[in-house]
Amino acid sequence: MLPRRRIRRIRKTKPRTLLPALALAVAATAATPTAALATDTAARGQAQGQAVSSGWNDYSCKPSAQHPRPVVLVHGTLGNSVDNWLGFAPYLVQRGYCVFSLDYGQLPAVPLFHGLGAVDESAKQLSAYVDRVLAATGAAKVDMVGHSQGGMMPRYYLKFLGGAPKVNALVGIAPTNHGTTLSGLTRLLDYFPGAGDLIAEGAPGLMDQVVDSDFLRRLNEGGDTVPGVRYTVIATKYDEVATPYQAQFLSGPNVRNVLIQDLCPTDISEHLAIGLTDGLAFHEAVNALDPDHATPTTCASDD
């Protein structure tokens, strides 16, 4: 536990300025767990209600002949099952898909902001969720679309937890497939001995995504992909979080790597926008889900 004075100083740090500072704040949170968890439960209930009323996370939905597989959406670090998908989930529902989204990687006493737990443990939560979706819909397989950590974490499920036979396609939007330097900020850890260990203890999902982490070495050892699954990566060269953006791309069979600026040079979406609001990325993701009916993604696809 950090001294109370240090806790106050960390809480004043802006999360978008330095994510490691946020991790330290998480590790040192002094809020009472009971109150925080009660807030989390209420907020999650409200969020799930919002999702169902918007047409997704409806467990009575049955996939159609045109779209025979439900789509599981996997949020990114500090995201949740609703906020991360307020743009893309309705986009899919309007096109006739059964759409589901989960919360994963929760830490005690940290409401609303998920994806902070160890990535391998988060993958186990994803595994259980996929089984729930398959049971509810009667489908044999799902498709997955993930943003940031959510585009990378399912690969652990596919590779180590028996997920490959249950997944047809994985679409990663700005995924941290080979780790991130966070625009160089992770190099600061070298100047603060023990800081990485402290972050890993308090929010292991952050350190798991740093370039050359033990987790990523294991995940990518022996190849990026597994047989039987189609992979698509959609990246932006203006990404300031999953950096360098080239580290998002995968190698192997059944892989399509897309740089959004190759489709529309004037697209200036960065890490958050490409997952939350970018119509071109949405269009390209739907092309990956239904390649037989794909149409070219151009600057005019932003609808």
C-alpha atoms as a PDB file:
ATOM      1  CA  MET A   1       0.000   0.000   0.000  1.00  0.00           C
ATOM      2  CA  LEU A   2       1.353   3.408  -0.930  1.00  0.00           C
ATOM      3  CA  PRO A   3       1.361   6.303   1.560  1.00  0.00           C
ATOM      4  CA  ARG A   4      -1.853   8.358   1.551  1.00  0.00           C
ATOM      5  CA  ARG A   5      -0.007  11.459   0.240  1.00  0.00           C
ATOM      6  CA  ARG A   6       1.265   9.500  -2.746  1.00  0.00           C
ATOM      7  CA  ILE A   7      -2.222   8.196  -3.502  1.00  0.00           C
ATOM      8  CA  ARG A   8      -3.590  11.750  -3.758  1.00  0.00           C
ATOM      9  CA  ARG A   9      -0.817  12.757  -6.131  1.00  0.00           C
ATOM     10  CA  ILE A  10      -1.445   9.784  -8.425  1.00  0.00           C
ATOM     11  CA  ARG A  11      -5.171  10.419  -8.525  1.00  0.00           C
ATOM     12  CA  LYS A  12      -4.515  13.859 -10.002  1.00  0.00           C
ATOM     13  CA  THR A  13      -2.611  12.339 -12.939  1.00  0.00           C
ATOM     14  CA  LYS A  14      -4.560  12.250 -16.201  1.00  0.00           C
ATOM     15  CA  PRO A  15      -4.983   8.609 -17.387  1.00  0.00           C
ATOM     16  CA  ARG A  16      -4.496   9.490 -21.042  1.00  0.00           C
ATOM     17  CA  THR A  17      -1.230  11.184 -20.177  1.00  0.00           C
ATOM     18  CA  LEU A  18       0.384   8.206 -18.468  1.00  0.00           C
ATOM     19  CA  LEU A  19      -1.329   4.840 -18.156  1.00  0.00           C
ATOM     20  CA  PRO A  20       1.274   3.459 -15.718  1.00  0.00           C
ATOM     21  CA  ALA A  21       0.229   6.182 -13.276  1.00  0.00           C
ATOM     22  CA  LEU A  22      -3.328   4.964 -13.573  1.00  0.00           C
ATOM     23  CA  ALA A  23      -2.149   1.453 -12.814  1.00  0.00           C
ATOM     24  CA  LEU A  24      -0.434   2.659  -9.675  1.00  0.00           C
ATOM     25  CA  ALA A  25      -3.633   4.405  -8.669  1.00  0.00           C
ATOM     26  CA  VAL A  26      -5.553   1.185  -9.209  1.00  0.00           C
ATOM     27  CA  ALA A  27      -3.066  -0.747  -7.126  1.00  0.00           C
ATOM     28  CA  ALA A  28      -3.313   1.775  -4.322  1.00  0.00           C
ATOM     29  CA  THR A  29      -7.080   2.386  -4.391  1.00  0.00           C
ATOM     30  CA  ALA A  30      -8.287   3.165  -0.884  1.00  0.00           C
ATOM     31  CA  ALA A  31     -12.038   3.141  -1.596  1.00  0.00           C
ATOM     32  CA  THR A  32     -14.093   0.660   0.381  1.00  0.00           C
ATOM     33  CA  PRO A  33     -14.631  -2.481  -1.734  1.00  0.00           C
ATOM     34  CA  THR A  34     -18.257  -2.926  -0.701  1.00  0.00           C
ATOM     35  CA  ALA A  35     -19.355   0.502  -1.902  1.00  0.00           C
ATOM     36  CA  ALA A  36     -17.328   0.308  -5.091  1.00  0.00           C
ATOM     37  CA  LEU A  37     -18.620  -3.128  -5.984  1.00  0.00           C
ATOM     38  CA  ALA A  38     -22.171  -2.035  -5.299  1.00  0.00           C
ATOM     39  CA  THR A  39     -21.667   0.907  -7.649  1.00  0.00           C
ATOM     40  CA  ASP A  40     -20.170  -1.422 -10.243  1.00  0.00           C
ATOM     41  CA  THR A  41     -23.105  -3.815  -9.993  1.00  0.00           C
ATOM     42  CA  ALA A  42     -25.665  -1.044 -10.394  1.00  0.00           C
ATOM     43  CA  ALA A  43     -23.806   0.543 -13.281  1.00  0.00           C
ATOM     44  CA  ARG A  44     -23.371  -2.774 -15.028  1.00  0.00           C
ATOM     45  CA  GLY A  45     -27.055  -3.552 -14.673  1.00  0.00           C
ATOM     46  CA  GLN A  46     -27.924  -0.184 -16.179  1.00  0.00           C
ATOM     47  CA  ALA A  47     -25.391  -0.695 -18.971  1.00  0.00           C
ATOM     48  CA  GLN A  48     -26.719  -4.143 -19.825  1.00  0.00           C
ATOM     49  CA  GLY A  49     -30.238  -2.753 -19.937  1.00  0.00           C
ATOM     50  CA  GLN A  50     -29.032  -0.050 -22.312  1.00  0.00           C
ATOM     51  CA  ALA A  51     -27.406  -2.654 -24.536  1.00  0.00           C
ATOM     52  CA  VAL A  52     -30.502  -4.859 -24.713  1.00  0.00           C
ATOM     53  CA  SER A  53     -32.731  -1.885 -25.473  1.00  0.00           C
ATOM     54  CA  SER A  54     -30.353  -0.974 -28.306  1.00  0.00           C
ATOM     55  CA  GLY A  55     -30.651  -4.463 -29.804  1.00  0.00           C
ATOM     56  CA  TRP A  56     -27.565  -6.261 -28.600  1.00  0.00           C
ATOM     57  CA  ASN A  57     -26.950  -8.652 -25.709  1.00  0.00           C
ATOM     58  CA  ASP A  58     -30.405 -10.018 -26.484  1.00  0.00           C
ATOM     59  CA  TYR A  59     -30.176 -13.704 -25.641  1.00  0.00           C
ATOM     60  CA  SER A  60     -33.397 -14.440 -27.494  1.00  0.00           C
ATOM     61  CA  CYS A  61     -31.733 -13.432 -30.786  1.00  0.00           C
ATOM     62  CA  LYS A  62     -31.380 -16.301 -33.253  1.00  0.00           C
ATOM     63  CA  PRO A  63     -28.862 -15.988 -36.089  1.00  0.00           C
ATOM     64  CA  SER A  64     -30.324 -15.761 -39.576  1.00  0.00           C
ATOM     65  CA  ALA A  65     -29.387 -17.729 -42.677  1.00  0.00           C
ATOM     66  CA  GLN A  66     -27.670 -14.588 -43.993  1.00  0.00           C
ATOM     67  CA  HIS A  67     -25.676 -14.101 -40.770  1.00  0.00           C
ATOM     68  CA  PRO A  68     -25.488 -17.566 -39.196  1.00  0.00           C
ATOM     69  CA  ARG A  69     -22.937 -16.767 -36.504  1.00  0.00           C
ATOM     70  CA  PRO A  70     -23.383 -14.469 -33.501  1.00  0.00           C
ATOM     71  CA  VAL A  71     -20.758 -11.764 -33.120  1.00  0.00           C
ATOM     72  CA  VAL A  72     -18.970 -11.425 -29.782  1.00  0.00           C
ATOM     73  CA  LEU A  73     -17.495  -7.980 -29.139  1.00  0.00           C
ATOM     74  CA  VAL A  74     -14.431  -7.804 -26.874  1.00  0.00           C
ATOM     75  CA  HIS A  75     -13.673  -4.378 -25.385  1.00  0.00           C
ATOM     76  CA  GLY A  76     -10.255  -2.856 -24.835  1.00  0.00           C
ATOM     77  CA  THR A  77      -8.269  -1.901 -21.745  1.00  0.00           C
ATOM     78  CA  LEU A  78     -10.224   0.470 -19.492  1.00  0.00           C
ATOM     79  CA  GLY A  79     -13.338  -0.189 -21.585  1.00  0.00           C
ATOM     80  CA  ASN A  80     -16.502  -2.120 -20.835  1.00  0.00           C
ATOM     81  CA  SER A  81     -19.144  -4.131 -22.645  1.00  0.00           C
ATOM     82  CA  VAL A  82     -21.308  -1.117 -23.531  1.00  0.00           C
ATOM     83  CA  ASP A  83     -19.232   2.060 -23.779  1.00  0.00           C
ATOM     84  CA  ASN A  84     -16.690   0.514 -26.154  1.00  0.00           C
ATOM     85  CA  TRP A  85     -19.438  -0.537 -28.577  1.00  0.00           C
ATOM     86  CA  LEU A  86     -21.973   2.291 -28.645  1.00  0.00           C
ATOM     87  CA  GLY A  87     -21.074   2.909 -32.278  1.00  0.00           C
ATOM     88  CA  PHE A  88     -20.279  -0.518 -33.684  1.00  0.00           C
ATOM     89  CA  ALA A  89     -22.834  -2.754 -31.936  1.00  0.00           C
ATOM     90  CA  PRO A  90     -25.880  -0.875 -33.334  1.00  0.00           C
ATOM     91  CA  TYR A  91     -24.108  -0.791 -36.717  1.00  0.00           C
ATOM     92  CA  LEU A  92     -24.071  -4.609 -36.678  1.00  0.00           C
ATOM     93  CA  VAL A  93     -27.615  -4.951 -35.324  1.00  0.00           C
ATOM     94  CA  GLN A  94     -28.941  -2.753 -38.129  1.00  0.00           C
ATOM     95  CA  ARG A  95     -27.371  -5.189 -40.581  1.00  0.00           C
ATOM     96  CA  GLY A  96     -29.087  -8.222 -39.071  1.00  0.00           C
ATOM     97  CA  TYR A  97     -26.418  -9.680 -36.796  1.00  0.00           C
ATOM     98  CA  CYS A  98     -26.971 -11.157 -33.343  1.00  0.00           C
ATOM     99  CA  VAL A  99     -24.494  -9.198 -31.246  1.00  0.00           C
ATOM    100  CA  PHE A 100     -23.133  -9.849 -27.770  1.00  0.00           C
ATOM    101  CA  SER A 101     -20.510  -8.132 -25.616  1.00  0.00           C
ATOM    102  CA  LEU A 102     -18.877  -9.092 -22.350  1.00  0.00           C
ATOM    103  CA  ASP A 103     -17.055  -7.455 -19.466  1.00  0.00           C
ATOM    104  CA  TYR A 104     -13.722  -9.017 -18.560  1.00  0.00           C
ATOM    105  CA  GLY A 105     -10.591  -8.311 -16.563  1.00  0.00           C
ATOM    106  CA  GLN A 106     -12.360  -6.637 -13.640  1.00  0.00           C
ATOM    107  CA  LEU A 107     -10.352  -5.671 -10.569  1.00  0.00           C
ATOM    108  CA  PRO A 108     -11.895  -5.467  -7.072  1.00  0.00           C
ATOM    109  CA  ALA A 109     -13.106  -1.987  -6.189  1.00  0.00           C
ATOM    110  CA  VAL A 110     -12.572  -0.646  -9.727  1.00  0.00           C
ATOM    111  CA  PRO A 111     -15.995  -0.086 -11.299  1.00  0.00           C
ATOM    112  CA  LEU A 112     -16.694   0.487 -14.994  1.00  0.00           C
ATOM    113  CA  PHE A 113     -13.058   0.336 -16.157  1.00  0.00           C
ATOM    114  CA  HIS A 114     -12.208  -3.249 -17.080  1.00  0.00           C
ATOM    115  CA  GLY A 115      -9.490  -5.122 -18.942  1.00  0.00           C
ATOM    116  CA  LEU A 116      -6.940  -4.585 -16.174  1.00  0.00           C
ATOM    117  CA  GLY A 117      -6.667  -8.168 -14.950  1.00  0.00           C
ATOM    118  CA  ALA A 118      -4.111 -10.690 -16.207  1.00  0.00           C
ATOM    119  CA  VAL A 119      -4.807 -11.363 -19.877  1.00  0.00           C
ATOM    120  CA  ASP A 120      -4.705 -15.152 -19.545  1.00  0.00           C
ATOM    121  CA  GLU A 121      -7.359 -14.958 -16.815  1.00  0.00           C
ATOM    122  CA  SER A 122      -9.439 -12.631 -18.987  1.00  0.00           C
ATOM    123  CA  ALA A 123      -9.263 -15.212 -21.772  1.00  0.00           C
ATOM    124  CA  LYS A 124     -10.865 -17.749 -19.422  1.00  0.00           C
ATOM    125  CA  GLN A 125     -13.748 -15.325 -18.900  1.00  0.00           C
ATOM    126  CA  LEU A 126     -14.073 -15.001 -22.669  1.00  0.00           C
ATOM    127  CA  SER A 127     -14.155 -18.787 -23.005  1.00  0.00           C
ATOM    128  CA  ALA A 128     -17.066 -19.081 -20.582  1.00  0.00           C
ATOM    129  CA  TYR A 129     -18.885 -16.243 -22.317  1.00  0.00           C
ATOM    130  CA  VAL A 130     -18.558 -17.819 -25.776  1.00  0.00           C
ATOM    131  CA  ASP A 131     -20.042 -21.049 -24.415  1.00  0.00           C
ATOM    132  CA  ARG A 132     -22.959 -19.042 -23.026  1.00  0.00           C
ATOM    133  CA  VAL A 133     -23.586 -17.328 -26.363  1.00  0.00           C
ATOM    134  CA  LEU A 134     -23.391 -20.594 -28.300  1.00  0.00           C
ATOM    135  CA  ALA A 135     -25.817 -22.263 -25.903  1.00  0.00           C
ATOM    136  CA  ALA A 136     -28.285 -19.376 -26.156  1.00  0.00           C
ATOM    137  CA  THR A 137     -28.181 -19.010 -29.930  1.00  0.00           C
ATOM    138  CA  GLY A 138     -27.734 -22.628 -30.977  1.00  0.00           C
ATOM    139  CA  ALA A 139     -24.898 -21.617 -33.299  1.00  0.00           C
ATOM    140  CA  ALA A 140     -21.897 -23.863 -33.872  1.00  0.00           C
ATOM    141  CA  LYS A 141     -19.376 -20.996 -33.989  1.00  0.00           C
ATOM    142  CA  VAL A 142     -19.076 -17.299 -33.241  1.00  0.00           C
ATOM    143  CA  ASP A 143     -17.231 -14.480 -34.921  1.00  0.00           C
ATOM    144  CA  MET A 144     -15.291 -12.033 -32.763  1.00  0.00           C
ATOM    145  CA  VAL A 145     -14.444  -8.365 -33.092  1.00  0.00           C
ATOM    146  CA  GLY A 146     -12.114  -6.849 -30.520  1.00  0.00           C
ATOM    147  CA  HIS A 147     -10.664  -3.409 -29.934  1.00  0.00           C
ATOM    148  CA  SER A 148      -7.135  -2.906 -28.578  1.00  0.00           C
ATOM    149  CA  GLN A 149      -6.500  -5.577 -25.907  1.00  0.00           C
ATOM    150  CA  GLY A 150      -9.807  -7.086 -27.027  1.00  0.00           C
ATOM    151  CA  GLY A 151      -8.325  -7.825 -30.442  1.00  0.00           C
ATOM    152  CA  MET A 152      -5.306  -9.555 -28.944  1.00  0.00           C
ATOM    153  CA  MET A 153      -6.670 -11.388 -25.881  1.00  0.00           C
ATOM    154  CA  PRO A 154      -8.922 -13.767 -27.876  1.00  0.00           C
ATOM    155  CA  ARG A 155      -5.818 -15.176 -29.529  1.00  0.00           C
ATOM    156  CA  TYR A 156      -4.882 -16.708 -26.169  1.00  0.00           C
ATOM    157  CA  TYR A 157      -8.316 -18.304 -26.018  1.00  0.00           C
ATOM    158  CA  LEU A 158      -7.884 -19.668 -29.534  1.00  0.00           C
ATOM    159  CA  LYS A 159      -4.366 -20.970 -28.951  1.00  0.00           C
ATOM    160  CA  PHE A 160      -4.406 -22.295 -25.399  1.00  0.00           C
ATOM    161  CA  LEU A 161      -8.002 -22.695 -24.205  1.00  0.00           C
ATOM    162  CA  GLY A 162      -9.550 -24.745 -26.994  1.00  0.00           C
ATOM    163  CA  GLY A 163     -11.353 -21.837 -28.625  1.00  0.00           C
ATOM    164  CA  ALA A 164     -10.348 -22.432 -32.250  1.00  0.00           C
ATOM    165  CA  PRO A 165     -13.149 -24.930 -33.062  1.00  0.00           C
ATOM    166  CA  LYS A 166     -15.716 -22.433 -31.731  1.00  0.00           C
ATOM    167  CA  VAL A 167     -14.544 -19.346 -33.657  1.00  0.00           C
ATOM    168  CA  ASN A 168     -14.817 -18.682 -37.386  1.00  0.00           C
ATOM    169  CA  ALA A 169     -13.155 -15.262 -37.586  1.00  0.00           C
ATOM    170  CA  LEU A 170     -11.319 -12.823 -35.346  1.00  0.00           C
ATOM    171  CA  VAL A 171     -11.260  -9.159 -36.315  1.00  0.00           C
ATOM    172  CA  GLY A 172      -8.853  -6.969 -34.340  1.00  0.00           C
ATOM    173  CA  ILE A 173      -9.326  -3.205 -34.474  1.00  0.00           C
ATOM    174  CA  ALA A 174      -6.077  -1.556 -33.319  1.00  0.00           C
ATOM    175  CA  PRO A 175      -5.064  -4.735 -31.443  1.00  0.00           C
ATOM    176  CA  THR A 176      -1.982  -5.017 -29.227  1.00  0.00           C
ATOM    177  CA  ASN A 177      -0.902  -8.247 -30.895  1.00  0.00           C
ATOM    178  CA  HIS A 178       2.835  -7.766 -30.404  1.00  0.00           C
ATOM    179  CA  GLY A 179       2.685  -5.313 -27.553  1.00  0.00           C
ATOM    180  CA  THR A 180       2.956  -1.576 -27.295  1.00  0.00           C
ATOM    181  CA  THR A 181       5.525   1.039 -26.364  1.00  0.00           C
ATOM    182  CA  LEU A 182       2.656   3.475 -25.601  1.00  0.00           C
ATOM    183  CA  SER A 183       4.320   6.074 -27.825  1.00  0.00           C
ATOM    184  CA  GLY A 184       7.558   5.481 -25.945  1.00  0.00           C
ATOM    185  CA  LEU A 185       6.170   5.941 -22.435  1.00  0.00           C
ATOM    186  CA  THR A 186       6.881   2.339 -21.426  1.00  0.00           C
ATOM    187  CA  ARG A 187      10.598   3.137 -21.709  1.00  0.00           C
ATOM    188  CA  LEU A 188      10.197   5.291 -18.599  1.00  0.00           C
ATOM    189  CA  LEU A 189       9.832   2.098 -16.589  1.00  0.00           C
ATOM    190  CA  ASP A 190      13.561   1.487 -17.061  1.00  0.00           C
ATOM    191  CA  TYR A 191      14.252   4.610 -14.992  1.00  0.00           C
ATOM    192  CA  PHE A 192      12.095   3.542 -12.029  1.00  0.00           C
ATOM    193  CA  PRO A 193      13.287   0.207 -10.649  1.00  0.00           C
ATOM    194  CA  GLY A 194      10.396  -1.846  -9.343  1.00  0.00           C
ATOM    195  CA  ALA A 195       7.735   0.268 -11.055  1.00  0.00           C
ATOM    196  CA  GLY A 196       6.942  -2.487 -13.542  1.00  0.00           C
ATOM    197  CA  ASP A 197       6.545  -5.021 -10.757  1.00  0.00           C
ATOM    198  CA  LEU A 198       4.220  -2.689  -8.877  1.00  0.00           C
ATOM    199  CA  ILE A 199       2.062  -2.142 -11.958  1.00  0.00           C
ATOM    200  CA  ALA A 200       2.024  -5.866 -12.717  1.00  0.00           C
ATOM    201  CA  GLU A 201       0.845  -6.587  -9.190  1.00  0.00           C
ATOM    202  CA  GLY A 202      -1.905  -3.975  -9.246  1.00  0.00           C
ATOM    203  CA  ALA A 203      -3.033  -4.131 -12.898  1.00  0.00           C
ATOM    204  CA  PRO A 204      -1.336  -7.051 -14.665  1.00  0.00           C
ATOM    205  CA  GLY A 205      -3.299  -6.533 -17.871  1.00  0.00           C
ATOM    206  CA  LEU A 206      -1.264  -3.386 -18.527  1.00  0.00           C
ATOM    207  CA  MET A 207       2.161  -4.974 -18.191  1.00  0.00           C
ATOM    208  CA  ASP A 208       1.042  -8.017 -20.196  1.00  0.00           C
ATOM    209  CA  GLN A 209       0.679  -5.679 -23.191  1.00  0.00           C
ATOM    210  CA  VAL A 210       4.112  -4.057 -23.007  1.00  0.00           C
ATOM    211  CA  VAL A 211       6.412  -5.039 -25.862  1.00  0.00           C
ATOM    212  CA  ASP A 212       8.387  -8.212 -25.095  1.00  0.00           C
ATOM    213  CA  SER A 213       6.381  -9.098 -21.990  1.00  0.00           C
ATOM    214  CA  ASP A 214       6.500 -12.706 -20.800  1.00  0.00           C
ATOM    215  CA  PHE A 215       2.836 -13.064 -21.746  1.00  0.00           C
ATOM    216  CA  LEU A 216       3.333 -11.854 -25.318  1.00  0.00           C
ATOM    217  CA  ARG A 217       6.430 -13.998 -25.833  1.00  0.00           C
ATOM    218  CA  ARG A 218       4.369 -17.043 -24.917  1.00  0.00           C
ATOM    219  CA  LEU A 219       1.379 -15.959 -26.997  1.00  0.00           C
ATOM    220  CA  ASN A 220       3.396 -15.369 -30.174  1.00  0.00           C
ATOM    221  CA  GLU A 221       5.881 -18.215 -29.818  1.00  0.00           C
ATOM    222  CA  GLY A 222       5.446 -20.698 -32.627  1.00  0.00           C
ATOM    223  CA  GLY A 223       3.364 -18.387 -34.812  1.00  0.00           C
ATOM    224  CA  ASP A 224       0.659 -15.768 -34.586  1.00  0.00           C
ATOM    225  CA  THR A 225      -2.278 -17.842 -35.795  1.00  0.00           C
ATOM    226  CA  VAL A 226      -3.989 -21.188 -35.346  1.00  0.00           C
ATOM    227  CA  PRO A 227      -5.514 -23.291 -38.135  1.00  0.00           C
ATOM    228  CA  GLY A 228      -9.171 -22.928 -38.990  1.00  0.00           C
ATOM    229  CA  VAL A 229      -9.640 -19.288 -37.965  1.00  0.00           C
ATOM    230  CA  ARG A 230      -9.674 -16.260 -40.287  1.00  0.00           C
ATOM    231  CA  TYR A 231      -7.845 -13.204 -38.943  1.00  0.00           C
ATOM    232  CA  THR A 232      -8.236  -9.557 -39.879  1.00  0.00           C
ATOM    233  CA  VAL A 233      -6.340  -6.631 -38.377  1.00  0.00           C
ATOM    234  CA  ILE A 234      -7.549  -3.070 -38.964  1.00  0.00           C
ATOM    235  CA  ALA A 235      -4.968  -0.451 -37.957  1.00  0.00           C
ATOM    236  CA  THR A 236      -4.421   3.299 -38.220  1.00  0.00           C
ATOM    237  CA  LYS A 237      -1.043   4.934 -38.661  1.00  0.00           C
ATOM    238  CA  TYR A 238      -2.152   7.645 -36.236  1.00  0.00           C
ATOM    239  CA  ASP A 239      -2.453   5.203 -33.341  1.00  0.00           C
ATOM    240  CA  GLU A 240      -0.841   6.693 -30.236  1.00  0.00           C
ATOM    241  CA  VAL A 241      -1.598   3.800 -27.867  1.00  0.00           C
ATOM    242  CA  ALA A 242      -0.847   0.533 -29.698  1.00  0.00           C
ATOM    243  CA  THR A 243       2.543   1.590 -31.009  1.00  0.00           C
ATOM    244  CA  PRO A 244       4.253   1.157 -33.321  1.00  0.00           C
ATOM    245  CA  TYR A 245       1.127   0.463 -35.351  1.00  0.00           C
ATOM    246  CA  GLN A 246       2.991  -2.126 -37.450  1.00  0.00           C
ATOM    247  CA  ALA A 247       3.215  -4.309 -34.323  1.00  0.00           C
ATOM    248  CA  GLN A 248      -0.536  -4.816 -34.563  1.00  0.00           C
ATOM    249  CA  PHE A 249      -0.233  -6.858 -37.754  1.00  0.00           C
ATOM    250  CA  LEU A 250      -0.218 -10.649 -37.783  1.00  0.00           C
ATOM    251  CA  SER A 251       1.722 -13.148 -39.863  1.00  0.00           C
ATOM    252  CA  GLY A 252       0.423 -16.490 -41.036  1.00  0.00           C
ATOM    253  CA  PRO A 253      -2.217 -18.126 -43.213  1.00  0.00           C
ATOM    254  CA  ASN A 254      -5.757 -16.732 -43.371  1.00  0.00           C
ATOM    255  CA  VAL A 255      -4.552 -13.263 -42.312  1.00  0.00           C
ATOM    256  CA  ARG A 256      -5.580  -9.918 -43.781  1.00  0.00           C
ATOM    257  CA  ASN A 257      -3.780  -6.842 -42.448  1.00  0.00           C
ATOM    258  CA  VAL A 258      -5.445  -3.523 -43.271  1.00  0.00           C
ATOM    259  CA  LEU A 259      -4.081  -0.021 -42.774  1.00  0.00           C
ATOM    260  CA  ILE A 260      -7.128   2.225 -42.859  1.00  0.00           C
ATOM    261  CA  GLN A 261      -5.186   5.028 -44.587  1.00  0.00           C
ATOM    262  CA  ASP A 262      -4.508   2.690 -47.520  1.00  0.00           C
ATOM    263  CA  LEU A 263      -8.274   2.634 -48.042  1.00  0.00           C
ATOM    264  CA  CYS A 264      -8.824   6.326 -47.333  1.00  0.00           C
ATOM    265  CA  PRO A 265      -5.740   8.567 -47.021  1.00  0.00           C
ATOM    266  CA  THR A 266      -7.749  11.335 -45.349  1.00  0.00           C
ATOM    267  CA  ASP A 267      -8.897   9.162 -42.422  1.00  0.00           C
ATOM    268  CA  ILE A 268      -7.229  10.592 -39.307  1.00  0.00           C
ATOM    269  CA  SER A 269      -8.686   8.260 -36.688  1.00  0.00           C
ATOM    270  CA  GLU A 270      -6.406   7.425 -33.772  1.00  0.00           C
ATOM    271  CA  HIS A 271      -6.600   4.537 -31.300  1.00  0.00           C
ATOM    272  CA  LEU A 272      -9.938   5.356 -29.697  1.00  0.00           C
ATOM    273  CA  ALA A 273     -11.745   6.761 -32.725  1.00  0.00           C
ATOM    274  CA  ILE A 274     -11.007   3.785 -34.948  1.00  0.00           C
ATOM    275  CA  GLY A 275     -12.832   1.527 -32.521  1.00  0.00           C
ATOM    276  CA  LEU A 276     -15.583   3.876 -31.380  1.00  0.00           C
ATOM    277  CA  THR A 277     -16.694   5.967 -34.344  1.00  0.00           C
ATOM    278  CA  ASP A 278     -14.812   5.175 -37.566  1.00  0.00           C
ATOM    279  CA  GLY A 279     -17.327   4.122 -40.239  1.00  0.00           C
ATOM    280  CA  LEU A 280     -14.542   2.933 -42.528  1.00  0.00           C
ATOM    281  CA  ALA A 281     -13.230   0.562 -39.869  1.00  0.00           C
ATOM    282  CA  PHE A 282     -16.794  -0.622 -39.211  1.00  0.00           C
ATOM    283  CA  HIS A 283     -17.342  -1.263 -42.924  1.00  0.00           C
ATOM    284  CA  GLU A 284     -14.084  -3.170 -43.224  1.00  0.00           C
ATOM    285  CA  ALA A 285     -14.924  -5.226 -40.127  1.00  0.00           C
ATOM    286  CA  VAL A 286     -18.263  -6.241 -41.652  1.00  0.00           C
ATOM    287  CA  ASN A 287     -16.419  -7.201 -44.839  1.00  0.00           C
ATOM    288  CA  ALA A 288     -14.278  -9.512 -42.705  1.00  0.00           C
ATOM    289  CA  LEU A 289     -17.360 -11.023 -41.052  1.00  0.00           C
ATOM    290  CA  ASP A 290     -19.085 -11.632 -44.384  1.00  0.00           C
ATOM    291  CA  PRO A 291     -16.398 -11.809 -47.087  1.00  0.00           C
ATOM    292  CA  ASP A 292     -18.767 -13.344 -49.627  1.00  0.00           C
ATOM    293  CA  HIS A 293     -20.719 -10.085 -49.717  1.00  0.00           C
ATOM    294  CA  ALA A 294     -17.845  -7.660 -49.144  1.00  0.00           C
ATOM    295  CA  THR A 295     -17.860  -4.302 -50.894  1.00  0.00           C
ATOM    296  CA  PRO A 296     -14.868  -1.967 -51.333  1.00  0.00           C
ATOM    297  CA  THR A 297     -14.065   0.248 -48.363  1.00  0.00           C
ATOM    298  CA  THR A 298     -13.434   3.811 -49.523  1.00  0.00           C
ATOM    299  CA  CYS A 299     -13.666   7.289 -48.074  1.00  0.00           C
ATOM    300  CA  ALA A 300     -17.349   7.177 -49.029  1.00  0.00           C
ATOM    301  CA  SER A 301     -17.938   4.146 -46.782  1.00  0.00           C
ATOM    302  CA  ASP A 302     -18.153   6.345 -43.664  1.00  0.00           C
ATOM    303  CA  ASP A 303     -21.884   5.938 -43.060  1.00  0.00           C
END
